[in-house]
PDB file of N, CA and C in Angstrom:
ATOM      1  N   UNK A   1      26.482  82.152-171.114  1.00  0.00           N
ATOM      2  CA  UNK A   1      26.416  82.377-172.438  1.00  0.00           C
ATOM      3  C   UNK A   1      25.159  83.193-172.866  1.00  0.00           C
ATOM      4  N   UNK A   2      25.100  84.339-173.348  1.00  0.00           N
ATOM      5  CA  UNK A   2      23.846  84.837-173.780  1.00  0.00           C
ATOM      6  C   UNK A   2      24.074  85.658-175.118  1.00  0.00           C
ATOM      7  N   UNK A   3      23.355  85.399-176.221  1.00  0.00           N
ATOM      8  CA  UNK A   3      23.661  86.271-177.505  1.00  0.00           C
ATOM      9  C   UNK A   3      23.056  85.578-178.610  1.00  0.00           C
ATOM     10  N   UNK A   4      23.231  86.238-179.679  1.00  0.00           N
ATOM     11  CA  UNK A   4      22.622  85.775-180.869  1.00  0.00           C
ATOM     12  C   UNK A   4      23.574  84.717-181.629  1.00  0.00           C
ATOM     13  N   UNK A   5      22.906  83.631-181.788  1.00  0.00           N
ATOM     14  CA  UNK A   5      23.596  82.338-182.558  1.00  0.00           C
ATOM     15  C   UNK A   5      23.454  82.325-184.032  1.00  0.00           C
ATOM     16  N   UNK A   6      22.514  82.643-184.393  1.00  0.00           N
ATOM     17  CA  UNK A   6      22.250  83.165-185.883  1.00  0.00           C
ATOM     18  C   UNK A   6      20.999  83.930-186.302  1.00  0.00           C
ATOM     19  N   UNK A   7      20.762  84.124-187.249  1.00  0.00           N
ATOM     20  CA  UNK A   7      19.355  85.111-187.454  1.00  0.00           C
ATOM     21  C   UNK A   7      18.335  84.516-186.841  1.00  0.00           C
ATOM     22  N   UNK A   8      17.693  85.380-186.098  1.00  0.00           N
ATOM     23  CA  UNK A   8      16.544  85.092-185.247  1.00  0.00           C
ATOM     24  C   UNK A   8      16.637  83.961-184.098  1.00  0.00           C
ATOM     25  N   UNK A   9      17.970  83.649-183.957  1.00  0.00           N
ATOM     26  CA  UNK A   9      18.093  82.632-183.122  1.00  0.00           C
ATOM     27  C   UNK A   9      18.951  83.087-181.814  1.00  0.00           C
ATOM     28  N   UNK A  10      18.599  83.100-180.532  1.00  0.00           N
ATOM     29  CA  UNK A  10      19.206  83.814-179.604  1.00  0.00           C
ATOM     30  C   UNK A  10      19.641  82.555-178.397  1.00  0.00           C
ATOM     31  N   UNK A  11      20.358  82.497-177.654  1.00  0.00           N
ATOM     32  CA  UNK A  11      20.632  81.747-176.468  1.00  0.00           C
ATOM     33  C   UNK A  11      20.958  82.361-175.261  1.00  0.00           C
ATOM     34  N   UNK A  12      20.423  81.633-174.240  1.00  0.00           N
ATOM     35  CA  UNK A  12      20.558  82.271-172.720  1.00  0.00           C
ATOM     36  C   UNK A  12      20.501  81.160-171.926  1.00  0.00           C
ATOM     37  N   UNK A  13      22.048  80.593-171.807  1.00  0.00           N
ATOM     38  CA  UNK A  13      22.199  79.582-170.810  1.00  0.00           C
ATOM     39  C   UNK A  13      23.497  79.669-170.122  1.00  0.00           C
ATOM     40  N   UNK A  14      23.607  78.708-168.862  1.00  0.00           N
ATOM     41  CA  UNK A  14      24.921  78.456-168.062  1.00  0.00           C
ATOM     42  C   UNK A  14      24.949  79.697-166.912  1.00  0.00           C
ATOM     43  N   UNK A  15      23.619  80.034-166.506  1.00  0.00           N
ATOM     44  CA  UNK A  15      23.555  80.856-165.137  1.00  0.00           C
ATOM     45  C   UNK A  15      23.713  80.140-164.072  1.00  0.00           C
ATOM     46  N   UNK A  16      23.402  78.743-164.266  1.00  0.00           N
ATOM     47  CA  UNK A  16      23.464  77.890-162.777  1.00  0.00           C
ATOM     48  C   UNK A  16      22.570  78.376-161.993  1.00  0.00           C
ATOM     49  N   UNK A  17      22.892  78.132-160.558  1.00  0.00           N
ATOM     50  CA  UNK A  17      22.012  78.589-159.393  1.00  0.00           C
ATOM     51  C   UNK A  17      21.791  80.316-159.025  1.00  0.00           C
ATOM     52  N   UNK A  18      22.922  80.922-159.400  1.00  0.00           N
ATOM     53  CA  UNK A  18      22.866  82.221-159.342  1.00  0.00           C
ATOM     54  C   UNK A  18      21.911  82.950-160.302  1.00  0.00           C
ATOM     55  N   UNK A  19      21.667  82.413-161.406  1.00  0.00           N
ATOM     56  CA  UNK A  19      20.681  83.015-162.327  1.00  0.00           C
ATOM     57  C   UNK A  19      19.481  83.413-161.906  1.00  0.00           C
ATOM     58  N   UNK A  20      18.881  82.571-160.851  1.00  0.00           N
ATOM     59  CA  UNK A  20      17.645  82.908-160.239  1.00  0.00           C
ATOM     60  C   UNK A  20      17.629  84.344-159.598  1.00  0.00           C
ATOM     61  N   UNK A  21      18.777  84.578-159.071  1.00  0.00           N
ATOM     62  CA  UNK A  21      18.805  85.900-158.356  1.00  0.00           C
ATOM     63  C   UNK A  21      19.166  87.157-159.154  1.00  0.00           C
ATOM     64  N   UNK A  22      19.870  86.758-160.397  1.00  0.00           N
ATOM     65  CA  UNK A  22      19.964  87.714-161.328  1.00  0.00           C
ATOM     66  C   UNK A  22      18.868  87.748-162.651  1.00  0.00           C
ATOM     67  N   UNK A  23      17.980  87.066-162.248  1.00  0.00           N
ATOM     68  CA  UNK A  23      16.767  86.988-163.381  1.00  0.00           C
ATOM     69  C   UNK A  23      16.221  88.247-163.909  1.00  0.00           C
ATOM     70  N   UNK A  24      15.888  89.166-162.685  1.00  0.00           N
ATOM     71  CA  UNK A  24      15.223  90.548-163.193  1.00  0.00           C
ATOM     72  C   UNK A  24      16.034  91.534-164.216  1.00  0.00           C
ATOM     73  N   UNK A  25      17.334  91.564-163.629  1.00  0.00           N
ATOM     74  CA  UNK A  25      18.294  92.200-164.337  1.00  0.00           C
ATOM     75  C   UNK A  25      18.587  91.724-165.694  1.00  0.00           C
ATOM     76  N   UNK A  26      18.920  90.314-165.562  1.00  0.00           N
ATOM     77  CA  UNK A  26      19.336  89.469-166.887  1.00  0.00           C
ATOM     78  C   UNK A  26      18.183  89.464-167.662  1.00  0.00           C
ATOM     79  N   UNK A  27      17.006  89.589-167.375  1.00  0.00           N
ATOM     80  CA  UNK A  27      15.919  89.473-168.276  1.00  0.00           C
ATOM     81  C   UNK A  27      15.621  90.580-169.181  1.00  0.00           C
ATOM     82  N   UNK A  28      16.346  91.895-168.624  1.00  0.00           N
ATOM     83  CA  UNK A  28      16.214  93.036-169.166  1.00  0.00           C
ATOM     84  C   UNK A  28      17.364  92.986-170.219  1.00  0.00           C
ATOM     85  N   UNK A  29      18.518  92.291-169.799  1.00  0.00           N
ATOM     86  CA  UNK A  29      19.577  92.427-170.893  1.00  0.00           C
ATOM     87  C   UNK A  29      19.166  91.603-172.146  1.00  0.00           C
ATOM     88  N   UNK A  30      18.368  90.494-171.774  1.00  0.00           N
ATOM     89  CA  UNK A  30      17.995  89.435-172.867  1.00  0.00           C
ATOM     90  C   UNK A  30      16.949  90.415-174.066  1.00  0.00           C
ATOM     91  N   UNK A  31      16.119  90.924-173.367  1.00  0.00           N
ATOM     92  CA  UNK A  31      15.089  91.673-173.814  1.00  0.00           C
ATOM     93  C   UNK A  31      15.852  92.696-174.900  1.00  0.00           C
ATOM     94  N   UNK A  32      16.895  93.520-174.390  1.00  0.00           N
ATOM     95  CA  UNK A  32      17.677  94.634-175.120  1.00  0.00           C
ATOM     96  C   UNK A  32      18.164  93.487-176.076  1.00  0.00           C
ATOM     97  N   UNK A  33      18.651  92.457-176.037  1.00  0.00           N
ATOM     98  CA  UNK A  33      19.227  91.780-177.232  1.00  0.00           C
ATOM     99  C   UNK A  33      18.431  91.510-178.230  1.00  0.00           C
ATOM    100  N   UNK A  34      16.973  90.987-178.063  1.00  0.00           N
ATOM    101  CA  UNK A  34      16.240  90.851-179.031  1.00  0.00           C
ATOM    102  C   UNK A  34      15.521  92.016-179.802  1.00  0.00           C
ATOM    103  N   UNK A  35      15.624  93.229-178.961  1.00  0.00           N
ATOM    104  CA  UNK A  35      15.442  94.423-179.644  1.00  0.00           C
ATOM    105  C   UNK A  35      16.856  95.155-180.332  1.00  0.00           C
ATOM    106  N   UNK A  36      17.738  94.412-180.175  1.00  0.00           N
ATOM    107  CA  UNK A  36      19.141  94.774-180.814  1.00  0.00           C
ATOM    108  C   UNK A  36      19.797  96.106-180.381  1.00  0.00           C
ATOM    109  N   UNK A  37      19.558  96.120-178.928  1.00  0.00           N
ATOM    110  CA  UNK A  37      20.183  97.226-178.235  1.00  0.00           C
ATOM    111  C   UNK A  37      20.933  96.551-177.274  1.00  0.00           C
ATOM    112  N   UNK A  38      21.967  96.149-177.515  1.00  0.00           N
ATOM    113  CA  UNK A  38      22.742  95.273-176.538  1.00  0.00           C
ATOM    114  C   UNK A  38      23.507  96.149-175.588  1.00  0.00           C
ATOM    115  N   UNK A  39      23.777  95.706-174.378  1.00  0.00           N
ATOM    116  CA  UNK A  39      24.806  96.512-173.308  1.00  0.00           C
ATOM    117  C   UNK A  39      25.808  95.997-173.696  1.00  0.00           C
ATOM    118  N   UNK A  40      26.903  96.847-174.191  1.00  0.00           N
ATOM    119  CA  UNK A  40      28.367  96.629-174.345  1.00  0.00           C
ATOM    120  C   UNK A  40      29.083  95.963-173.363  1.00  0.00           C
ATOM    121  N   UNK A  41      28.656  96.175-172.071  1.00  0.00           N
ATOM    122  CA  UNK A  41      29.460  95.856-170.816  1.00  0.00           C
ATOM    123  C   UNK A  41      29.339  94.112-170.725  1.00  0.00           C
ATOM    124  N   UNK A  42      28.060  93.600-171.495  1.00  0.00           N
ATOM    125  CA  UNK A  42      28.089  92.206-171.289  1.00  0.00           C
ATOM    126  C   UNK A  42      28.466  91.489-172.415  1.00  0.00           C
ATOM    127  N   UNK A  43      29.166  92.096-173.234  1.00  0.00           N
ATOM    128  CA  UNK A  43      29.785  91.495-174.610  1.00  0.00           C
ATOM    129  C   UNK A  43      30.615  90.300-174.255  1.00  0.00           C
ATOM    130  N   UNK A  44      31.155  90.184-173.219  1.00  0.00           N
ATOM    131  CA  UNK A  44      32.147  89.028-173.101  1.00  0.00           C
ATOM    132  C   UNK A  44      31.302  87.845-172.731  1.00  0.00           C
ATOM    133  N   UNK A  45      29.831  87.982-172.659  1.00  0.00           N
ATOM    134  CA  UNK A  45      29.164  86.588-172.666  1.00  0.00           C
ATOM    135  C   UNK A  45      28.548  86.324-174.035  1.00  0.00           C
ATOM    136  N   UNK A  46      29.032  86.711-174.975  1.00  0.00           N
ATOM    137  CA  UNK A  46      28.561  86.291-176.166  1.00  0.00           C
ATOM    138  C   UNK A  46      28.885  84.910-176.683  1.00  0.00           C
ATOM    139  N   UNK A  47      28.084  84.380-177.316  1.00  0.00           N
ATOM    140  CA  UNK A  47      28.611  82.998-178.145  1.00  0.00           C
ATOM    141  C   UNK A  47      29.742  83.211-179.180  1.00  0.00           C
ATOM    142  N   UNK A  48      29.807  84.501-179.453  1.00  0.00           N
ATOM    143  CA  UNK A  48      30.945  84.544-180.486  1.00  0.00           C
ATOM    144  C   UNK A  48      32.271  84.398-179.658  1.00  0.00           C
ATOM    145  N   UNK A  49      32.261  84.624-178.579  1.00  0.00           N
ATOM    146  CA  UNK A  49      33.809  84.322-177.713  1.00  0.00           C
ATOM    147  C   UNK A  49      34.314  83.335-178.086  1.00  0.00           C
ATOM    148  N   UNK A  50      33.661  82.085-178.533  1.00  0.00           N
ATOM    149  CA  UNK A  50      34.077  80.726-178.545  1.00  0.00           C
ATOM    150  C   UNK A  50      34.868  80.485-179.844  1.00  0.00           C
ATOM    151  N   UNK A  51      34.201  81.186-180.947  1.00  0.00           N
ATOM    152  CA  UNK A  51      34.972  81.377-182.403  1.00  0.00           C
ATOM    153  C   UNK A  51      36.147  82.296-182.254  1.00  0.00           C
ATOM    154  N   UNK A  52      36.198  83.299-181.412  1.00  0.00           N
ATOM    155  CA  UNK A  52      36.995  84.317-181.237  1.00  0.00           C
ATOM    156  C   UNK A  52      38.165  83.639-180.544  1.00  0.00           C
ATOM    157  N   UNK A  53      38.215  82.504-179.684  1.00  0.00           N
ATOM    158  CA  UNK A  53      38.965  82.135-178.843  1.00  0.00           C
ATOM    159  C   UNK A  53      39.187  82.998-177.892  1.00  0.00           C
ATOM    160  N   UNK A  54      38.395  83.830-177.345  1.00  0.00           N
ATOM    161  CA  UNK A  54      38.535  84.709-176.138  1.00  0.00           C
ATOM    162  C   UNK A  54      37.683  83.947-174.848  1.00  0.00           C
ATOM    163  N   UNK A  55      38.415  83.965-173.787  1.00  0.00           N
ATOM    164  CA  UNK A  55      37.959  83.233-172.423  1.00  0.00           C
ATOM    165  C   UNK A  55      37.596  84.656-171.515  1.00  0.00           C
ATOM    166  N   UNK A  56      36.711  84.200-170.605  1.00  0.00           N
ATOM    167  CA  UNK A  56      36.472  85.058-169.455  1.00  0.00           C
ATOM    168  C   UNK A  56      37.686  85.130-168.344  1.00  0.00           C
ATOM    169  N   UNK A  57      38.039  86.616-167.877  1.00  0.00           N
ATOM    170  CA  UNK A  57      39.034  86.777-167.053  1.00  0.00           C
ATOM    171  C   UNK A  57      38.478  86.512-165.769  1.00  0.00           C
ATOM    172  N   UNK A  58      37.570  85.632-165.369  1.00  0.00           N
ATOM    173  CA  UNK A  58      36.821  85.901-163.890  1.00  0.00           C
ATOM    174  C   UNK A  58      37.259  84.242-163.178  1.00  0.00           C
ATOM    175  N   UNK A  59      37.312  84.724-162.128  1.00  0.00           N
ATOM    176  CA  UNK A  59      37.521  83.655-161.228  1.00  0.00           C
ATOM    177  C   UNK A  59      38.252  83.881-160.139  1.00  0.00           C
ATOM    178  N   UNK A  60      38.882  82.986-159.356  1.00  0.00           N
ATOM    179  CA  UNK A  60      39.640  83.053-157.894  1.00  0.00           C
ATOM    180  C   UNK A  60      40.748  82.271-157.928  1.00  0.00           C
ATOM    181  N   UNK A  61      41.995  82.857-158.022  1.00  0.00           N
ATOM    182  CA  UNK A  61      43.259  81.925-157.735  1.00  0.00           C
ATOM    183  C   UNK A  61      43.391  81.158-159.241  1.00  0.00           C
ATOM    184  N   UNK A  62      43.217  79.556-158.758  1.00  0.00           N
ATOM    185  CA  UNK A  62      43.587  78.906-159.914  1.00  0.00           C
ATOM    186  C   UNK A  62      42.228  78.317-160.643  1.00  0.00           C
ATOM    187  N   UNK A  63      41.042  78.730-159.802  1.00  0.00           N
ATOM    188  CA  UNK A  63      39.612  78.624-160.354  1.00  0.00           C
ATOM    189  C   UNK A  63      39.197  79.561-161.356  1.00  0.00           C
ATOM    190  N   UNK A  64      39.349  79.061-162.543  1.00  0.00           N
ATOM    191  CA  UNK A  64      38.748  80.160-163.580  1.00  0.00           C
ATOM    192  C   UNK A  64      37.491  79.706-164.384  1.00  0.00           C
ATOM    193  N   UNK A  65      36.641  80.544-164.838  1.00  0.00           N
ATOM    194  CA  UNK A  65      35.464  80.225-165.396  1.00  0.00           C
ATOM    195  C   UNK A  65      36.100  79.820-167.041  1.00  0.00           C
ATOM    196  N   UNK A  66      35.465  78.385-167.422  1.00  0.00           N
ATOM    197  CA  UNK A  66      36.097  78.041-168.663  1.00  0.00           C
ATOM    198  C   UNK A  66      34.867  78.771-170.095  1.00  0.00           C
ATOM    199  N   UNK A  67      35.655  78.785-170.879  1.00  0.00           N
ATOM    200  CA  UNK A  67      34.818  79.346-172.123  1.00  0.00           C
ATOM    201  C   UNK A  67      35.075  80.724-172.160  1.00  0.00           C
TER     202      UNK A  67
END
């Protein structure tokens, strides 16, 4: 989950172990969020998806990403 939670409050959490490998690119994404220039391709990771009831369509077989 990465995105704005409220005015001037952002969250970047839940990347687990693979977050270390993604850190350079993901850091750029977070910086763009702070500058209010988000990448629309990553909107599915927004905290707003929980209030909208939208889940992620990722996973394999019966194993799906929650949230």
